[in-house]
PDB file of N, CA and C in Angstrom:
ATOM      1  N   MET A   1       0.812  -1.182   0.000  1.00  0.00           N
ATOM      2  CA  MET A   1       0.000   0.000   0.000  1.00  0.00           C
ATOM      3  C   MET A   1       0.867   1.261   0.000  1.00  0.00           C
ATOM      4  N   PHE A   2       1.959   1.217   0.741  1.00  0.00           N
ATOM      5  CA  PHE A   2       2.856   2.366   0.794  1.00  0.00           C
ATOM      6  C   PHE A   2       3.497   2.615  -0.560  1.00  0.00           C
ATOM      7  N   ARG A   3       3.839   1.541  -1.288  1.00  0.00           N
ATOM      8  CA  ARG A   3       4.441   1.686  -2.608  1.00  0.00           C
ATOM      9  C   ARG A   3       3.466   2.352  -3.575  1.00  0.00           C
ATOM     10  N   ARG A   4       2.259   1.924  -3.557  1.00  0.00           N
ATOM     11  CA  ARG A   4       1.275   2.500  -4.468  1.00  0.00           C
ATOM     12  C   ARG A   4       1.064   3.980  -4.171  1.00  0.00           C
ATOM     13  N   THR A   5       0.996   4.365  -2.942  1.00  0.00           N
ATOM     14  CA  THR A   5       0.829   5.769  -2.558  1.00  0.00           C
ATOM     15  C   THR A   5       2.043   6.575  -3.004  1.00  0.00           C
ATOM     16  N   PHE A   6       3.235   6.024  -2.830  1.00  0.00           N
ATOM     17  CA  PHE A   6       4.463   6.715  -3.232  1.00  0.00           C
ATOM     18  C   PHE A   6       4.468   6.971  -4.736  1.00  0.00           C
ATOM     19  N   TRP A   7       4.183   5.937  -5.537  1.00  0.00           N
ATOM     20  CA  TRP A   7       4.222   6.085  -6.981  1.00  0.00           C
ATOM     21  C   TRP A   7       3.078   6.963  -7.480  1.00  0.00           C
ATOM     22  N   PHE A   8       1.937   6.890  -6.833  1.00  0.00           N
ATOM     23  CA  PHE A   8       0.825   7.758  -7.205  1.00  0.00           C
ATOM     24  C   PHE A   8       1.211   9.220  -6.959  1.00  0.00           C
ATOM     25  N   SER A   9       1.777   9.513  -5.813  1.00  0.00           N
ATOM     26  CA  SER A   9       2.197  10.882  -5.471  1.00  0.00           C
ATOM     27  C   SER A   9       3.302  11.351  -6.418  1.00  0.00           C
ATOM     28  N   THR A  10       4.218  10.477  -6.751  1.00  0.00           N
ATOM     29  CA  THR A  10       5.298  10.826  -7.679  1.00  0.00           C
ATOM     30  C   THR A  10       4.712  11.147  -9.054  1.00  0.00           C
ATOM     31  N   GLY A  11       3.765  10.389  -9.525  1.00  0.00           N
ATOM     32  CA  GLY A  11       3.126  10.630 -10.818  1.00  0.00           C
ATOM     33  C   GLY A  11       2.358  11.940 -10.838  1.00  0.00           C
ATOM     34  N   VAL A  12       1.644  12.210  -9.724  1.00  0.00           N
ATOM     35  CA  VAL A  12       0.907  13.472  -9.636  1.00  0.00           C
ATOM     36  C   VAL A  12       1.883  14.641  -9.668  1.00  0.00           C
ATOM     37  N   ALA A  13       2.974  14.561  -8.906  1.00  0.00           N
ATOM     38  CA  ALA A  13       3.969  15.646  -8.876  1.00  0.00           C
ATOM     39  C   ALA A  13       4.600  15.842 -10.258  1.00  0.00           C
ATOM     40  N   ALA A  14       4.923  14.735 -10.937  1.00  0.00           N
ATOM     41  CA  ALA A  14       5.511  14.838 -12.277  1.00  0.00           C
ATOM     42  C   ALA A  14       4.523  15.453 -13.248  1.00  0.00           C
ATOM     43  N   GLY A  15       3.247  15.089 -13.131  1.00  0.00           N
ATOM     44  CA  GLY A  15       2.219  15.657 -14.015  1.00  0.00           C
ATOM     45  C   GLY A  15       2.041  17.147 -13.793  1.00  0.00           C
ATOM     46  N   VAL A  16       2.011  17.541 -12.516  1.00  0.00           N
ATOM     47  CA  VAL A  16       1.865  18.973 -12.201  1.00  0.00           C
ATOM     48  C   VAL A  16       3.072  19.743 -12.720  1.00  0.00           C
ATOM     49  N   TRP A  17       4.263  19.182 -12.500  1.00  0.00           N
ATOM     50  CA  TRP A  17       5.500  19.844 -12.950  1.00  0.00           C
ATOM     51  C   TRP A  17       5.496  19.976 -14.479  1.00  0.00           C
ATOM     52  N   ALA A  18       5.159  18.907 -15.199  1.00  0.00           N
ATOM     53  CA  ALA A  18       5.159  18.925 -16.661  1.00  0.00           C
ATOM     54  C   ALA A  18       4.103  19.881 -17.195  1.00  0.00           C
ATOM     55  N   THR A  19       2.925  19.887 -16.583  1.00  0.00           N
ATOM     56  CA  THR A  19       1.854  20.784 -17.011  1.00  0.00           C
ATOM     57  C   THR A  19       2.274  22.242 -16.818  1.00  0.00           C
ATOM     58  N   THR A  20       2.898  22.542 -15.695  1.00  0.00           N
ATOM     59  CA  THR A  20       3.362  23.905 -15.421  1.00  0.00           C
ATOM     60  C   THR A  20       4.409  24.335 -16.447  1.00  0.00           C
ATOM     61  N   LYS A  21       5.360  23.452 -16.744  1.00  0.00           N
ATOM     62  CA  LYS A  21       6.405  23.776 -17.720  1.00  0.00           C
ATOM     63  C   LYS A  21       5.809  24.016 -19.108  1.00  0.00           C
ATOM     64  N   VAL A  22       4.884  23.154 -19.522  1.00  0.00           N
ATOM     65  CA  VAL A  22       4.277  23.285 -20.850  1.00  0.00           C
ATOM     66  C   VAL A  22       3.474  24.576 -20.935  1.00  0.00           C
ATOM     67  N   ASN A  23       2.687  24.893 -19.905  1.00  0.00           N
ATOM     68  CA  ASN A  23       1.897  26.122 -19.916  1.00  0.00           C
ATOM     69  C   ASN A  23       2.791  27.361 -19.949  1.00  0.00           C
ATOM     70  N   ARG A  24       3.882  27.325 -19.202  1.00  0.00           N
ATOM     71  CA  ARG A  24       4.815  28.454 -19.191  1.00  0.00           C
ATOM     72  C   ARG A  24       5.435  28.652 -20.581  1.00  0.00           C
ATOM     73  N   LYS A  25       5.811  27.543 -21.228  1.00  0.00           N
ATOM     74  CA  LYS A  25       6.412  27.622 -22.559  1.00  0.00           C
ATOM     75  C   LYS A  25       5.388  28.112 -23.577  1.00  0.00           C
ATOM     76  N   LEU A  26       4.131  27.680 -23.456  1.00  0.00           N
ATOM     77  CA  LEU A  26       3.093  28.142 -24.377  1.00  0.00           C
ATOM     78  C   LEU A  26       2.841  29.640 -24.227  1.00  0.00           C
ATOM     79  N   ARG A  27       2.886  30.138 -22.981  1.00  0.00           N
ATOM     80  CA  ARG A  27       2.711  31.570 -22.763  1.00  0.00           C
ATOM     81  C   ARG A  27       3.870  32.358 -23.369  1.00  0.00           C
ATOM     82  N   GLN A  28       5.079  31.787 -23.356  1.00  0.00           N
ATOM     83  CA  GLN A  28       6.233  32.470 -23.940  1.00  0.00           C
ATOM     84  C   GLN A  28       6.152  32.514 -25.460  1.00  0.00           C
ATOM     85  N   LEU A  29       5.411  31.603 -26.054  1.00  0.00           N
ATOM     86  CA  LEU A  29       5.343  31.526 -27.509  1.00  0.00           C
ATOM     87  C   LEU A  29       4.136  32.233 -28.102  1.00  0.00           C
ATOM     88  N   THR A  30       3.373  32.967 -27.302  1.00  0.00           N
ATOM     89  CA  THR A  30       2.254  33.732 -27.852  1.00  0.00           C
ATOM     90  C   THR A  30       2.823  34.929 -28.620  1.00  0.00           C
ATOM     91  N   PRO A  31       2.100  35.451 -29.603  1.00  0.00           N
ATOM     92  CA  PRO A  31       2.606  36.590 -30.380  1.00  0.00           C
ATOM     93  C   PRO A  31       2.927  37.821 -29.521  1.00  0.00           C
ATOM     94  N   GLU A  32       2.086  38.086 -28.520  1.00  0.00           N
ATOM     95  CA  GLU A  32       2.327  39.246 -27.657  1.00  0.00           C
ATOM     96  C   GLU A  32       3.631  39.082 -26.881  1.00  0.00           C
ATOM     97  N   SER A  33       3.842  37.873 -26.354  1.00  0.00           N
ATOM     98  CA  SER A  33       5.053  37.618 -25.587  1.00  0.00           C
ATOM     99  C   SER A  33       6.292  37.677 -26.475  1.00  0.00           C
ATOM    100  N   LEU A  34       6.191  37.132 -27.685  1.00  0.00           N
ATOM    101  CA  LEU A  34       7.323  37.182 -28.608  1.00  0.00           C
ATOM    102  C   LEU A  34       7.650  38.618 -28.998  1.00  0.00           C
ATOM    103  N   ALA A  35       6.605  39.427 -29.224  1.00  0.00           N
ATOM    104  CA  ALA A  35       6.830  40.831 -29.580  1.00  0.00           C
ATOM    105  C   ALA A  35       7.482  41.590 -28.426  1.00  0.00           C
ATOM    106  N   ALA A  36       7.017  41.334 -27.205  1.00  0.00           N
ATOM    107  CA  ALA A  36       7.602  42.006 -26.042  1.00  0.00           C
ATOM    108  C   ALA A  36       9.058  41.598 -25.849  1.00  0.00           C
ATOM    109  N   THR A  37       9.339  40.319 -26.038  1.00  0.00           N
ATOM    110  CA  THR A  37      10.712  39.841 -25.899  1.00  0.00           C
ATOM    111  C   THR A  37      11.608  40.470 -26.954  1.00  0.00           C
ATOM    112  N   ALA A  38      11.129  40.545 -28.193  1.00  0.00           N
ATOM    113  CA  ALA A  38      11.921  41.154 -29.262  1.00  0.00           C
ATOM    114  C   ALA A  38      12.162  42.632 -28.982  1.00  0.00           C
ATOM    115  N   ALA A  39      11.146  43.333 -28.489  1.00  0.00           N
ATOM    116  CA  ALA A  39      11.296  44.755 -28.182  1.00  0.00           C
ATOM    117  C   ALA A  39      12.312  44.958 -27.062  1.00  0.00           C
ATOM    118  N   ASN A  40      12.257  44.122 -26.034  1.00  0.00           N
ATOM    119  CA  ASN A  40      13.213  44.244 -24.932  1.00  0.00           C
ATOM    120  C   ASN A  40      14.633  43.992 -25.404  1.00  0.00           C
ATOM    121  N   LYS A  41      14.815  42.992 -26.242  1.00  0.00           N
ATOM    122  CA  LYS A  41      16.158  42.698 -26.751  1.00  0.00           C
ATOM    123  C   LYS A  41      16.661  43.821 -27.649  1.00  0.00           C
ATOM    124  N   ALA A  42      15.760  44.419 -28.424  1.00  0.00           N
ATOM    125  CA  ALA A  42      16.157  45.544 -29.280  1.00  0.00           C
ATOM    126  C   ALA A  42      16.567  46.746 -28.429  1.00  0.00           C
ATOM    127  N   LEU A  43      15.831  47.003 -27.360  1.00  0.00           N
ATOM    128  CA  LEU A  43      16.199  48.103 -26.468  1.00  0.00           C
ATOM    129  C   LEU A  43      17.556  47.864 -25.818  1.00  0.00           C
ATOM    130  N   GLU A  44      17.792  46.638 -25.368  1.00  0.00           N
ATOM    131  CA  GLU A  44      19.078  46.313 -24.756  1.00  0.00           C
ATOM    132  C   GLU A  44      20.218  46.502 -25.760  1.00  0.00           C
ATOM    133  N   ALA A  45      20.003  46.046 -27.000  1.00  0.00           N
ATOM    134  CA  ALA A  45      21.032  46.193 -28.034  1.00  0.00           C
ATOM    135  C   ALA A  45      21.271  47.672 -28.332  1.00  0.00           C
ATOM    136  N   GLY A  46      20.193  48.456 -28.378  1.00  0.00           N
ATOM    137  CA  GLY A  46      20.331  49.893 -28.608  1.00  0.00           C
ATOM    138  C   GLY A  46      21.126  50.575 -27.515  1.00  0.00           C
ATOM    139  N   HIS A  47      20.876  50.205 -26.263  1.00  0.00           N
ATOM    140  CA  HIS A  47      21.623  50.789 -25.150  1.00  0.00           C
ATOM    141  C   HIS A  47      23.095  50.410 -25.224  1.00  0.00           C
ATOM    142  N   ARG A  48      23.372  49.152 -25.586  1.00  0.00           N
ATOM    143  CA  ARG A  48      24.772  48.725 -25.703  1.00  0.00           C
ATOM    144  C   ARG A  48      25.479  49.499 -26.809  1.00  0.00           C
ATOM    145  N   ILE A  49      24.807  49.660 -27.951  1.00  0.00           N
ATOM    146  CA  ILE A  49      25.405  50.391 -29.067  1.00  0.00           C
ATOM    147  C   ILE A  49      25.629  51.847 -28.685  1.00  0.00           C
ATOM    148  N   LYS A  50      24.658  52.445 -28.003  1.00  0.00           N
ATOM    149  CA  LYS A  50      24.782  53.840 -27.588  1.00  0.00           C
ATOM    150  C   LYS A  50      25.958  54.012 -26.637  1.00  0.00           C
ATOM    151  N   ASP A  51      26.095  53.117 -25.682  1.00  0.00           N
ATOM    152  CA  ASP A  51      27.204  53.211 -24.736  1.00  0.00           C
ATOM    153  C   ASP A  51      28.541  53.089 -25.445  1.00  0.00           C
ATOM    154  N   ARG A  52      28.623  52.189 -26.414  1.00  0.00           N
ATOM    155  CA  ARG A  52      29.876  52.029 -27.157  1.00  0.00           C
ATOM    156  C   ARG A  52      30.155  53.256 -28.017  1.00  0.00           C
ATOM    157  N   ALA A  53      29.107  53.821 -28.630  1.00  0.00           N
ATOM    158  CA  ALA A  53      29.299  54.997 -29.481  1.00  0.00           C
ATOM    159  C   ALA A  53      29.747  56.198 -28.655  1.00  0.00           C
ATOM    160  N   VAL A  54      29.169  56.364 -27.465  1.00  0.00           N
ATOM    161  CA  VAL A  54      29.572  57.469 -26.601  1.00  0.00           C
ATOM    162  C   VAL A  54      31.022  57.288 -26.172  1.00  0.00           C
ATOM    163  N   GLY A  55      31.382  56.073 -25.821  1.00  0.00           N
ATOM    164  CA  GLY A  55      32.768  55.806 -25.440  1.00  0.00           C
ATOM    165  C   GLY A  55      33.717  56.065 -26.596  1.00  0.00           C
ATOM    166  N   PHE A  56      33.314  55.670 -27.809  1.00  0.00           N
ATOM    167  CA  PHE A  56      34.143  55.902 -28.989  1.00  0.00           C
ATOM    168  C   PHE A  56      34.296  57.392 -29.248  1.00  0.00           C
ATOM    169  N   ALA A  57      33.194  58.149 -29.128  1.00  0.00           N
ATOM    170  CA  ALA A  57      33.251  59.595 -29.366  1.00  0.00           C
ATOM    171  C   ALA A  57      34.164  60.271 -28.352  1.00  0.00           C
ATOM    172  N   LEU A  58      34.103  59.853 -27.096  1.00  0.00           N
ATOM    173  CA  LEU A  58      34.987  60.430 -26.087  1.00  0.00           C
ATOM    174  C   LEU A  58      36.446  60.095 -26.372  1.00  0.00           C
ATOM    175  N   ASP A  59      36.716  58.876 -26.812  1.00  0.00           N
ATOM    176  CA  ASP A  59      38.084  58.502 -27.170  1.00  0.00           C
ATOM    177  C   ASP A  59      38.585  59.339 -28.342  1.00  0.00           C
ATOM    178  N   VAL A  60      37.734  59.533 -29.355  1.00  0.00           N
ATOM    179  CA  VAL A  60      38.128  60.335 -30.513  1.00  0.00           C
ATOM    180  C   VAL A  60      38.416  61.767 -30.085  1.00  0.00           C
ATOM    181  N   ARG A  61      37.569  62.329 -29.227  1.00  0.00           N
ATOM    182  CA  ARG A  61      37.767  63.707 -28.779  1.00  0.00           C
ATOM    183  C   ARG A  61      39.067  63.847 -27.998  1.00  0.00           C
ATOM    184  N   ASP A  62      39.362  62.897 -27.119  1.00  0.00           N
ATOM    185  CA  ASP A  62      40.607  62.948 -26.353  1.00  0.00           C
ATOM    186  C   ASP A  62      41.820  62.843 -27.265  1.00  0.00           C
ATOM    187  N   ASN A  63      41.771  61.894 -28.200  1.00  0.00           N
ATOM    188  CA  ASN A  63      42.899  61.728 -29.122  1.00  0.00           C
ATOM    189  C   ASN A  63      43.058  62.932 -30.043  1.00  0.00           C
ATOM    190  N   MET A  64      41.942  63.548 -30.439  1.00  0.00           N
ATOM    191  CA  MET A  64      42.010  64.726 -31.282  1.00  0.00           C
ATOM    192  C   MET A  64      42.680  65.882 -30.542  1.00  0.00           C
ATOM    193  N   ALA A  65      42.308  66.089 -29.284  1.00  0.00           N
ATOM    194  CA  ALA A  65      42.921  67.151 -28.494  1.00  0.00           C
ATOM    195  C   ALA A  65      44.416  66.894 -28.300  1.00  0.00           C
ATOM    196  N   GLN A  66      44.768  65.643 -28.057  1.00  0.00           N
ATOM    197  CA  GLN A  66      46.170  65.300 -27.882  1.00  0.00           C
ATOM    198  C   GLN A  66      46.952  65.563 -29.176  1.00  0.00           C
ATOM    199  N   ARG A  67      46.375  65.184 -30.318  1.00  0.00           N
ATOM    200  CA  ARG A  67      47.059  65.383 -31.597  1.00  0.00           C
ATOM    201  C   ARG A  67      47.180  66.866 -31.921  1.00  0.00           C
ATOM    202  N   GLU A  68      46.162  67.667 -31.617  1.00  0.00           N
ATOM    203  CA  GLU A  68      46.240  69.105 -31.849  1.00  0.00           C
ATOM    204  C   GLU A  68      47.347  69.724 -31.004  1.00  0.00           C
ATOM    205  N   GLU A  69      47.485  69.258 -29.791  1.00  0.00           N
ATOM    206  CA  GLU A  69      48.559  69.759 -28.935  1.00  0.00           C
ATOM    207  C   GLU A  69      49.928  69.378 -29.497  1.00  0.00           C
ATOM    208  N   GLU A  70      50.049  68.140 -29.985  1.00  0.00           N
ATOM    209  CA  GLU A  70      51.312  67.710 -30.589  1.00  0.00           C
ATOM    210  C   GLU A  70      51.645  68.548 -31.815  1.00  0.00           C
ATOM    211  N   LEU A  71      50.641  68.804 -32.667  1.00  0.00           N
ATOM    212  CA  LEU A  71      50.880  69.621 -33.851  1.00  0.00           C
ATOM    213  C   LEU A  71      51.218  71.065 -33.478  1.00  0.00           C
ATOM    214  N   GLY A  72      50.548  71.595 -32.461  1.00  0.00           N
ATOM    215  CA  GLY A  72      50.864  72.953 -32.003  1.00  0.00           C
ATOM    216  C   GLY A  72      52.291  73.060 -31.494  1.00  0.00           C
ATOM    217  N   ASP A  73      52.744  72.035 -30.776  1.00  0.00           N
ATOM    218  CA  ASP A  73      54.128  72.033 -30.303  1.00  0.00           C
ATOM    219  C   ASP A  73      55.098  71.912 -31.467  1.00  0.00           C
ATOM    220  N   ALA A  74      54.767  71.059 -32.437  1.00  0.00           N
ATOM    221  CA  ALA A  74      55.662  70.856 -33.575  1.00  0.00           C
ATOM    222  C   ALA A  74      55.770  72.105 -34.445  1.00  0.00           C
ATOM    223  N   LEU A  75      54.677  72.855 -34.576  1.00  0.00           N
ATOM    224  CA  LEU A  75      54.685  74.058 -35.403  1.00  0.00           C
ATOM    225  C   LEU A  75      55.083  75.307 -34.630  1.00  0.00           C
ATOM    226  N   GLY A  76      55.254  75.171 -33.334  1.00  0.00           N
ATOM    227  CA  GLY A  76      55.654  76.312 -32.524  1.00  0.00           C
ATOM    228  C   GLY A  76      54.511  77.229 -32.157  1.00  0.00           C
ATOM    229  N   LEU A  77      53.293  76.768 -32.280  1.00  0.00           N
ATOM    230  CA  LEU A  77      52.141  77.604 -31.948  1.00  0.00           C
ATOM    231  C   LEU A  77      51.936  77.729 -30.444  1.00  0.00           C
ATOM    232  N   ASN A  78      52.419  76.765 -29.700  1.00  0.00           N
ATOM    233  CA  ASN A  78      52.238  76.775 -28.254  1.00  0.00           C
ATOM    234  C   ASN A  78      53.444  77.364 -27.536  1.00  0.00           C
ATOM    235  N   ALA A  79      54.429  77.882 -28.294  1.00  0.00           N
ATOM    236  CA  ALA A  79      55.639  78.432 -27.681  1.00  0.00           C
ATOM    237  C   ALA A  79      55.303  79.740 -26.978  1.00  0.00           C
ATOM    238  N   PRO A  80      56.020  80.047 -25.903  1.00  0.00           N
ATOM    239  CA  PRO A  80      55.757  81.319 -25.210  1.00  0.00           C
ATOM    240  C   PRO A  80      56.174  82.502 -26.095  1.00  0.00           C
ATOM    241  N   VAL A  81      55.471  83.613 -25.965  1.00  0.00           N
ATOM    242  CA  VAL A  81      55.736  84.805 -26.768  1.00  0.00           C
ATOM    243  C   VAL A  81      56.915  85.545 -26.160  1.00  0.00           C
ATOM    244  N   ASP A  82      57.876  85.915 -27.011  1.00  0.00           N
ATOM    245  CA  ASP A  82      59.058  86.652 -26.564  1.00  0.00           C
ATOM    246  C   ASP A  82      58.672  88.117 -26.383  1.00  0.00           C
ATOM    247  N   PRO A  83      58.833  88.695 -25.173  1.00  0.00           N
ATOM    248  CA  PRO A  83      58.401  90.081 -24.956  1.00  0.00           C
ATOM    249  C   PRO A  83      59.262  91.101 -25.702  1.00  0.00           C
ATOM    250  N   GLU A  84      60.440  90.742 -26.200  1.00  0.00           N
ATOM    251  CA  GLU A  84      61.315  91.692 -26.884  1.00  0.00           C
ATOM    252  C   GLU A  84      60.906  91.915 -28.332  1.00  0.00           C
ATOM    253  N   LEU A  85      60.090  91.038 -28.879  1.00  0.00           N
ATOM    254  CA  LEU A  85      59.677  91.192 -30.264  1.00  0.00           C
ATOM    255  C   LEU A  85      58.639  92.299 -30.387  1.00  0.00           C
ATOM    256  N   PRO A  86      58.689  93.071 -31.473  1.00  0.00           N
ATOM    257  CA  PRO A  86      57.677  94.126 -31.648  1.00  0.00           C
ATOM    258  C   PRO A  86      56.324  93.510 -31.987  1.00  0.00           C
ATOM    259  N   ALA A  87      55.303  94.280 -31.766  1.00  0.00           N
ATOM    260  CA  ALA A  87      53.952  93.824 -32.085  1.00  0.00           C
ATOM    261  C   ALA A  87      53.800  93.738 -33.592  1.00  0.00           C
ATOM    262  N   PRO A  88      53.030  92.812 -34.093  1.00  0.00           N
ATOM    263  CA  PRO A  88      52.863  92.719 -35.550  1.00  0.00           C
ATOM    264  C   PRO A  88      52.139  93.948 -36.087  1.00  0.00           C
ATOM    265  N   ARG A  89      52.580  94.410 -37.275  1.00  0.00           N
ATOM    266  CA  ARG A  89      51.977  95.586 -37.888  1.00  0.00           C
ATOM    267  C   ARG A  89      51.022  95.155 -38.987  1.00  0.00           C
ATOM    268  N   ARG A  90      50.031  95.975 -39.186  1.00  0.00           N
ATOM    269  CA  ARG A  90      49.109  95.728 -40.276  1.00  0.00           C
ATOM    270  C   ARG A  90      49.548  96.572 -41.460  1.00  0.00           C
ATOM    271  N   HIS A  91      49.654  95.951 -42.604  1.00  0.00           N
ATOM    272  CA  HIS A  91      50.071  96.662 -43.811  1.00  0.00           C
ATOM    273  C   HIS A  91      48.842  97.058 -44.609  1.00  0.00           C
ATOM    274  N   ALA A  92      48.935  98.233 -45.208  1.00  0.00           N
ATOM    275  CA  ALA A  92      47.845  98.678 -46.069  1.00  0.00           C
ATOM    276  C   ALA A  92      47.853  97.838 -47.342  1.00  0.00           C
ATOM    277  N   ALA A  93      46.691  97.609 -47.864  1.00  0.00           N
ATOM    278  CA  ALA A  93      46.591  96.840 -49.098  1.00  0.00           C
ATOM    279  C   ALA A  93      47.154  97.659 -50.251  1.00  0.00           C
ATOM    280  N   ILE A  94      47.853  97.019 -51.146  1.00  0.00           N
ATOM    281  CA  ILE A  94      48.432  97.693 -52.303  1.00  0.00           C
ATOM    282  C   ILE A  94      47.424  97.610 -53.439  1.00  0.00           C
ATOM    283  N   GLU A  95      47.142  98.786 -53.997  1.00  0.00           N
ATOM    284  CA  GLU A  95      46.192  98.813 -55.102  1.00  0.00           C
ATOM    285  C   GLU A  95      46.929  98.588 -56.409  1.00  0.00           C
ATOM    286  N   ASN A  96      46.282  97.943 -57.303  1.00  0.00           N
ATOM    287  CA  ASN A  96      46.856  97.684 -58.619  1.00  0.00           C
ATOM    288  C   ASN A  96      46.539  98.869 -59.523  1.00  0.00           C
ATOM    289  N   ARG A  97      47.545  99.727 -59.726  1.00  0.00           N
ATOM    290  CA  ARG A  97      47.329 100.925 -60.542  1.00  0.00           C
ATOM    291  C   ARG A  97      47.304 100.596 -62.026  1.00  0.00           C
ATOM    292  N   ASN A  98      47.699  99.399 -62.396  1.00  0.00           N
ATOM    293  CA  ASN A  98      47.670  99.020 -63.808  1.00  0.00           C
ATOM    294  C   ASN A  98      46.301  98.513 -64.233  1.00  0.00           C
ATOM    295  N   ASN A  99      45.423  98.288 -63.282  1.00  0.00           N
ATOM    296  CA  ASN A  99      44.090  97.805 -63.588  1.00  0.00           C
ATOM    297  C   ASN A  99      43.309  98.907 -64.296  1.00  0.00           C
ATOM    298  N   PRO A 100      42.677  98.620 -65.420  1.00  0.00           N
ATOM    299  CA  PRO A 100      41.929  99.686 -66.124  1.00  0.00           C
ATOM    300  C   PRO A 100      40.743 100.197 -65.324  1.00  0.00           C
ATOM    301  N   LYS A 101      40.295  99.487 -64.321  1.00  0.00           N
ATOM    302  CA  LYS A 101      39.159  99.925 -63.503  1.00  0.00           C
ATOM    303  C   LYS A 101      39.585 100.884 -62.401  1.00  0.00           C
ATOM    304  N   TYR A 102      40.898 101.053 -62.183  1.00  0.00           N
ATOM    305  CA  TYR A 102      41.398 101.903 -61.114  1.00  0.00           C
ATOM    306  C   TYR A 102      41.218 103.366 -61.478  1.00  0.00           C
ATOM    307  N   VAL A 103      40.671 104.144 -60.547  1.00  0.00           N
ATOM    308  CA  VAL A 103      40.495 105.581 -60.762  1.00  0.00           C
ATOM    309  C   VAL A 103      41.401 106.295 -59.781  1.00  0.00           C
ATOM    310  N   GLU A 104      42.306 107.132 -60.276  1.00  0.00           N
ATOM    311  CA  GLU A 104      43.303 107.832 -59.451  1.00  0.00           C
ATOM    312  C   GLU A 104      42.622 108.808 -58.504  1.00  0.00           C
ATOM    313  N   GLY A 105      43.079 108.826 -57.242  1.00  0.00           N
ATOM    314  CA  GLY A 105      42.640 109.806 -56.270  1.00  0.00           C
ATOM    315  C   GLY A 105      41.339 109.474 -55.567  1.00  0.00           C
ATOM    316  N   SER A 106      40.716 108.379 -55.862  1.00  0.00           N
ATOM    317  CA  SER A 106      39.451 108.071 -55.195  1.00  0.00           C
ATOM    318  C   SER A 106      39.738 107.327 -53.894  1.00  0.00           C
ATOM    319  N   THR A 107      38.918 107.588 -52.889  1.00  0.00           N
ATOM    320  CA  THR A 107      39.070 106.887 -51.620  1.00  0.00           C
ATOM    321  C   THR A 107      38.308 105.572 -51.631  1.00  0.00           C
ATOM    322  N   TYR A 108      37.321 105.488 -52.448  1.00  0.00           N
ATOM    323  CA  TYR A 108      36.547 104.263 -52.596  1.00  0.00           C
ATOM    324  C   TYR A 108      36.851 103.664 -53.950  1.00  0.00           C
ATOM    325  N   ARG A 109      36.552 102.433 -54.083  1.00  0.00           N
ATOM    326  CA  ARG A 109      36.750 101.785 -55.365  1.00  0.00           C
ATOM    327  C   ARG A 109      35.624 102.211 -56.297  1.00  0.00           C
ATOM    328  N   THR A 110      35.969 102.991 -57.267  1.00  0.00           N
ATOM    329  CA  THR A 110      34.963 103.430 -58.230  1.00  0.00           C
ATOM    330  C   THR A 110      35.377 102.954 -59.603  1.00  0.00           C
ATOM    331  N   TYR A 111      34.422 102.859 -60.472  1.00  0.00           N
ATOM    332  CA  TYR A 111      34.674 102.369 -61.815  1.00  0.00           C
ATOM    333  C   TYR A 111      34.240 103.437 -62.798  1.00  0.00           C
ATOM    334  N   PRO A 112      34.988 103.617 -63.882  1.00  0.00           N
ATOM    335  CA  PRO A 112      34.656 104.682 -64.837  1.00  0.00           C
ATOM    336  C   PRO A 112      33.439 104.374 -65.698  1.00  0.00           C
ATOM    337  N   TYR A 113      32.859 103.235 -65.549  1.00  0.00           N
ATOM    338  CA  TYR A 113      31.700 102.889 -66.366  1.00  0.00           C
ATOM    339  C   TYR A 113      30.703 102.108 -65.509  1.00  0.00           C
ATOM    340  N   ASN A 114      29.500 102.019 -66.002  1.00  0.00           N
ATOM    341  CA  ASN A 114      28.463 101.274 -65.314  1.00  0.00           C
ATOM    342  C   ASN A 114      28.594  99.814 -65.718  1.00  0.00           C
ATOM    343  N   ARG A 115      28.850  98.970 -64.757  1.00  0.00           N
ATOM    344  CA  ARG A 115      29.079  97.551 -65.060  1.00  0.00           C
ATOM    345  C   ARG A 115      27.828  96.853 -65.576  1.00  0.00           C
ATOM    346  N   ASN A 116      26.660  97.391 -65.265  1.00  0.00           N
ATOM    347  CA  ASN A 116      25.427  96.729 -65.699  1.00  0.00           C
ATOM    348  C   ASN A 116      25.135  96.949 -67.172  1.00  0.00           C
ATOM    349  N   GLU A 117      25.785  97.935 -67.802  1.00  0.00           N
ATOM    350  CA  GLU A 117      25.517  98.194 -69.205  1.00  0.00           C
ATOM    351  C   GLU A 117      26.118  97.139 -70.117  1.00  0.00           C
ATOM    352  N   ASP A 118      27.114  96.419 -69.653  1.00  0.00           N
ATOM    353  CA  ASP A 118      27.782  95.432 -70.487  1.00  0.00           C
ATOM    354  C   ASP A 118      26.972  94.154 -70.641  1.00  0.00           C
ATOM    355  N   HIS A 119      26.004  93.942 -69.848  1.00  0.00           N
ATOM    356  CA  HIS A 119      25.302  92.651 -69.858  1.00  0.00           C
ATOM    357  C   HIS A 119      24.088  92.669 -70.712  1.00  0.00           C
TER     358      HIS A 119
END
């Protein structure tokens, strides 16, 4: 009698366990559940890609700043200014007096003819 009760209880437990597993798997395979799972995985992948892209952008920015500093040192742009040197002067623009459009003595650029008449 004890054996029969043991095997009966074991069969009931196995049936309940199998039924629970099958029902859980069927719920996972419904269209709504599959869509939710796909959406969650897409969000996770998007977050991973975003984190990697941000890290890459920060690395590029750091390396760019480092390279600009190296180039500035190589070209002498970052060198200290010598106080004994005179300040840079601005030179006046040289007008081309050989240009036929040049009018002597004018302060503004004037032309001896109306440019719109040629068209």
